[in-house]
Protein backbone atom coordinates (compact mmCIF):
# COMPACT_ATOMS: atom_id res chain seq x y z
CA MET A 1 194.99 -117.18 130.93
CA LYS A 2 195.45 -117.88 127.67
CA ILE A 3 195.28 -121.05 125.40
CA LYS A 4 196.98 -122.01 122.93
CA GLN A 5 196.44 -125.36 120.67
CA PHE A 6 198.86 -126.31 117.92
CA GLU A 7 199.21 -129.32 115.57
CA ILE A 8 202.87 -131.21 116.06
CA ILE A 9 203.65 -133.71 112.88
CA LEU A 10 206.43 -136.51 114.18
CA GLN A 11 208.16 -138.14 111.19
CA SER A 12 207.83 -141.73 110.49
CA LYS A 13 209.30 -143.52 112.94
CA GLU A 14 210.35 -147.80 112.71
CA ARG A 15 208.30 -149.66 115.57
CA GLY A 16 210.50 -149.07 119.15
CA PHE A 17 210.11 -146.46 121.72
CA HIS A 18 211.66 -143.40 120.60
CA LEU A 19 212.87 -139.81 122.36
CA VAL A 20 210.88 -137.03 120.78
CA THR A 21 211.06 -134.08 122.79
CA ASP A 22 213.26 -131.86 120.80
CA GLU A 23 210.90 -132.90 117.79
CA VAL A 24 207.81 -131.83 119.83
CA PHE A 25 209.42 -128.24 121.65
CA ARG A 26 210.60 -127.05 118.29
CA GLN A 27 206.95 -127.29 117.07
CA ILE A 28 205.62 -125.20 119.90
CA PRO A 29 206.07 -121.25 119.16
CA ASP A 30 206.95 -118.86 121.81
CA LEU A 31 207.12 -121.57 124.46
CA GLY A 32 210.43 -119.53 126.06
CA LYS A 33 207.98 -116.59 126.57
CA VAL A 34 205.76 -118.81 129.45
CA ARG A 35 206.58 -117.86 132.50
CA ILE A 36 203.98 -120.76 134.26
CA GLY A 37 201.73 -122.95 132.34
CA LEU A 38 200.75 -126.65 131.52
CA LEU A 39 201.12 -128.02 128.40
CA HIS A 40 199.12 -131.00 127.13
CA LEU A 41 200.14 -133.74 124.42
CA PHE A 42 197.21 -135.87 122.80
CA ILE A 43 198.74 -138.23 120.21
CA GLN A 44 195.78 -138.46 117.23
CA HIS A 45 196.41 -142.41 116.41
CA SER A 46 195.32 -145.72 118.35
CA SER A 47 198.31 -147.52 117.70
CA ALA A 48 200.91 -145.24 118.87
CA SER A 49 201.27 -144.07 122.55
CA ILE A 50 203.30 -141.04 124.41
CA SER A 51 204.68 -141.11 127.85
CA ILE A 52 207.48 -139.50 129.90
CA ASN A 53 210.15 -141.88 130.71
CA GLU A 54 213.88 -141.89 130.91
CA TYR A 55 215.82 -139.73 128.18
CA ALA A 56 219.81 -140.59 128.94
CA ASP A 57 220.19 -143.92 128.37
CA PRO A 58 218.66 -145.53 124.96
CA SER A 59 218.79 -149.18 126.83
CA VAL A 60 215.99 -147.94 128.42
CA ARG A 61 214.30 -147.72 125.47
CA LYS A 62 215.13 -150.58 123.74
CA ASP A 63 213.65 -152.77 127.24
CA LEU A 64 210.57 -151.03 127.09
CA GLU A 65 210.22 -152.61 123.45
CA LYS A 66 211.39 -156.21 124.48
CA PHE A 67 209.17 -155.95 127.48
CA TYR A 68 205.81 -154.83 125.49
CA SER A 69 206.60 -156.70 122.38
CA GLU A 70 206.85 -159.95 124.66
CA LEU A 71 203.69 -158.90 126.67
CA CYS A 72 201.33 -158.27 123.42
CA ASN A 73 202.56 -159.59 120.40
CA ASP A 74 202.14 -162.95 118.45
CA LYS A 75 198.73 -163.75 120.53
CA GLN A 76 197.04 -166.69 119.24
CA TYR A 77 193.30 -165.22 120.69
CA TYR A 78 193.66 -161.82 118.52
CA THR A 79 190.82 -161.58 116.37
CA HIS A 80 191.55 -157.93 115.19
CA THR A 81 193.82 -158.47 112.80
CA TYR A 82 192.69 -156.36 109.55
CA GLU A 83 195.80 -154.00 109.04
CA GLY A 84 198.17 -156.90 109.83
CA PRO A 85 199.77 -159.02 112.81
CA ASP A 86 200.59 -155.91 114.24
CA ASP A 87 197.10 -154.47 114.59
CA MET A 88 196.09 -155.53 117.65
CA PRO A 89 199.37 -155.54 119.79
CA SER A 90 199.57 -152.04 118.93
CA HIS A 91 196.21 -151.02 120.21
CA VAL A 92 196.91 -153.39 123.53
CA LYS A 93 200.09 -151.15 123.98
CA THR A 94 198.67 -148.29 123.06
CA SER A 95 196.03 -149.17 126.01
CA LEU A 96 198.67 -149.91 128.44
CA LEU A 97 201.07 -146.84 127.78
CA GLY A 98 198.49 -143.77 127.17
CA SER A 99 197.37 -141.45 124.25
CA ASP A 100 198.29 -138.19 126.55
CA VAL A 101 200.94 -136.13 129.10
CA THR A 102 200.74 -133.29 130.89
CA ILE A 103 203.98 -131.35 131.68
CA PRO A 104 204.14 -128.37 133.39
CA ILE A 105 206.35 -125.26 131.80
CA THR A 106 208.31 -123.29 134.36
CA SER A 107 210.35 -120.15 133.17
CA GLY A 108 209.94 -121.55 129.11
CA LYS A 109 210.76 -124.51 129.69
CA PRO A 110 209.44 -128.36 130.41
CA ASN A 111 209.52 -128.67 133.97
CA PHE A 112 210.86 -132.38 134.15
CA GLY A 113 212.56 -134.78 136.36
CA THR A 114 216.08 -135.74 136.32
CA TRP A 115 216.78 -138.05 132.82
CA GLN A 116 212.84 -137.09 131.90
CA GLY A 117 211.87 -136.77 128.34
CA ILE A 118 208.71 -137.34 126.06
CA ILE A 119 208.69 -140.70 124.35
CA LEU A 120 207.21 -142.20 121.14
CA GLY A 121 205.81 -145.61 121.40
CA GLU A 122 205.47 -146.54 117.67
CA HIS A 123 204.00 -149.62 117.91
CA ARG A 124 203.23 -150.23 114.22
CA ILE A 125 206.04 -152.19 111.57
CA ARG A 126 205.57 -149.72 109.23
CA ALA A 127 203.76 -146.45 110.03
CA GLY A 128 203.40 -143.12 108.50
CA SER A 129 204.03 -139.78 110.68
CA ARG A 130 202.30 -139.23 113.66
CA ARG A 131 199.94 -135.82 114.54
CA ILE A 132 200.11 -134.84 118.38
CA ILE A 133 197.58 -132.12 119.55
CA ALA A 134 199.53 -129.71 121.98
CA THR A 135 197.34 -127.30 124.15
CA LEU A 136 199.27 -124.86 125.85
CA ILE A 137 197.73 -123.09 129.08
CA TYR A 138 199.45 -120.38 130.69
CA ASP A 139 199.76 -117.01 132.50
């Protein structure tokens, strides 16, 4: 068994849900040589999330943003607002959605289900680039 680890940098994005599958996989060298393995992705931020969801229809990502904004934004009871009004809502969304995913790799490709892709949840109004630690475990 072999293990490799990489740091992936995602370009800054506006608040919302963004398909980042290609941006992630472009930064993982030699993935095509992996016969069977697992790829673990961990985002190093408490105000952004990573998940697996539908990639084909962009309205899914728009609806996710609407849903989580309605659920989490503009709550009068938030006290943690050091970095602005989007600070605590961002943390809540990240807690709900998660900071990591694990993807099976088969014959050098992610073994996604139909229509699945990697989705970055950017929960801040203005955020910089985002870092993901990718750990590849393979034969």
